[in-house]
Amino acid sequence: MAEKPATKTAILKGLADKTGMAKKDVATFMDALGDMIRHHLGKKGPGVFTIPGLVKLKTVKKAATKERQGRNPKTGEMITIAAKPARKVVKAYPLKVLKDSVLGS
């Protein structure tokens, strides 16, 4: 993969070219989509948001972990791994259409 990842400007320009919309309108749409995602994944939302044909975003509760002993893989010495509190994380799951188009199945 020699290509670099697209920048925000390149993405907006590409979408504007493909859809025939003005770049400013595409930026407004992307901002609205971001607001919608934040609302659905936020405290008062259902915790799930699907972008049709692309990806499903979900909030997942991760349990708290206790402090424990572990081994440093580089040096082999024993270390203490800090405890982590319970938290919510966002997971992204690609939908079948996206997987098939990327993996060629």
Protein backbone atom coordinates (compact mmCIF):
# COMPACT_ATOMS: atom_id res chain seq x y z
CA MET A 1 0.00 0.00 0.00
CA ALA A 2 2.00 2.92 -1.31
CA GLU A 3 -0.88 5.41 -1.14
CA LYS A 4 -1.28 7.63 1.90
CA PRO A 5 -4.63 7.81 3.71
CA ALA A 6 -6.97 10.52 2.40
CA THR A 7 -7.11 13.79 4.31
CA LYS A 8 -10.36 15.39 5.38
CA THR A 9 -10.05 17.92 2.53
CA ALA A 10 -9.44 15.16 -0.02
CA ILE A 11 -12.45 13.20 1.24
CA LEU A 12 -14.73 16.26 1.05
CA LYS A 13 -13.45 17.12 -2.44
CA GLY A 14 -13.89 13.53 -3.66
CA LEU A 15 -17.44 13.33 -2.34
CA ALA A 16 -18.28 16.72 -3.84
CA ASP A 17 -16.95 15.61 -7.24
CA LYS A 18 -18.83 12.27 -7.13
CA THR A 19 -22.17 13.70 -6.00
CA GLY A 20 -22.11 17.03 -7.82
CA MET A 21 -22.74 18.81 -4.52
CA ALA A 22 -20.78 21.86 -3.43
CA LYS A 23 -17.86 21.10 -1.12
CA LYS A 24 -19.50 23.29 1.54
CA ASP A 25 -22.72 21.21 1.32
CA VAL A 26 -20.74 17.98 1.70
CA ALA A 27 -18.99 19.42 4.78
CA THR A 28 -22.39 20.38 6.25
CA PHE A 29 -23.69 16.87 5.56
CA MET A 30 -20.65 15.27 7.23
CA ASP A 31 -21.08 17.52 10.28
CA ALA A 32 -24.76 16.53 10.50
CA LEU A 33 -23.85 12.84 10.19
CA GLY A 34 -21.29 13.25 12.99
CA ASP A 35 -23.89 14.94 15.21
CA MET A 36 -26.34 12.13 14.51
CA ILE A 37 -23.75 9.47 15.38
CA ARG A 38 -22.80 11.28 18.62
CA HIS A 39 -26.48 11.47 19.60
CA HIS A 40 -27.14 7.77 18.93
CA LEU A 41 -23.97 6.61 20.72
CA GLY A 42 -24.33 9.10 23.60
CA LYS A 43 -25.87 8.57 27.04
CA LYS A 44 -29.47 9.16 25.90
CA GLY A 45 -29.17 7.30 22.57
CA PRO A 46 -29.72 3.61 21.81
CA GLY A 47 -25.96 2.87 21.66
CA VAL A 48 -26.03 1.66 18.05
CA PHE A 49 -25.73 3.51 14.74
CA THR A 50 -25.59 1.95 11.28
CA ILE A 51 -24.27 3.68 8.19
CA PRO A 52 -26.17 1.64 5.57
CA GLY A 53 -23.96 -0.61 3.46
CA LEU A 54 -20.79 0.33 5.32
CA VAL A 55 -20.45 -0.03 9.06
CA LYS A 56 -22.31 -0.54 12.32
CA LEU A 57 -21.06 1.47 15.31
CA LYS A 58 -21.84 0.22 18.83
CA THR A 59 -21.03 1.27 22.36
CA VAL A 60 -19.77 -1.65 24.42
CA LYS A 61 -19.40 -1.73 28.20
CA LYS A 62 -16.01 -3.04 29.29
CA ALA A 63 -15.73 -4.41 32.79
CA ALA A 64 -13.25 -3.10 35.33
CA THR A 65 -9.97 -4.99 35.62
CA LYS A 66 -7.99 -5.61 38.80
CA GLU A 67 -4.32 -4.80 39.26
CA ARG A 68 -2.29 -7.86 38.30
CA GLN A 69 1.20 -9.17 37.75
CA GLY A 70 2.49 -9.58 34.21
CA ARG A 71 5.72 -10.06 32.32
CA ASN A 72 7.43 -7.40 30.20
CA PRO A 73 7.71 -9.10 26.79
CA LYS A 74 10.89 -7.20 25.93
CA THR A 75 12.96 -7.79 29.06
CA GLY A 76 11.13 -10.70 30.70
CA GLU A 77 10.97 -8.96 34.09
CA MET A 78 7.81 -9.06 36.21
CA ILE A 79 5.75 -5.87 36.22
CA THR A 80 2.50 -4.73 37.81
CA ILE A 81 -0.26 -3.98 35.31
CA ALA A 82 -2.48 -1.19 36.63
CA ALA A 83 -6.19 -1.63 37.31
CA LYS A 84 -8.65 -0.03 34.87
CA PRO A 85 -12.12 1.23 35.77
CA ALA A 86 -15.27 0.10 33.96
CA ARG A 87 -15.79 2.12 30.78
CA LYS A 88 -17.68 2.37 27.53
CA VAL A 89 -15.88 2.07 24.19
CA VAL A 90 -17.05 2.47 20.60
CA LYS A 91 -16.63 -0.56 18.33
CA ALA A 92 -17.00 -0.50 14.54
CA TYR A 93 -18.21 -3.58 12.70
CA PRO A 94 -18.02 -3.67 8.89
CA LEU A 95 -21.23 -4.79 7.18
CA LYS A 96 -21.33 -7.64 4.66
CA VAL A 97 -21.46 -5.35 1.62
CA LEU A 98 -18.26 -3.58 2.70
CA LYS A 99 -16.47 -6.83 3.62
CA ASP A 100 -17.37 -8.41 0.29
CA SER A 101 -16.20 -5.40 -1.72
CA VAL A 102 -12.89 -5.10 0.17
CA LEU A 103 -12.08 -8.80 0.50
CA GLY A 104 -13.42 -9.76 -2.91
CA SER A 105 -15.53 -12.68 -1.71
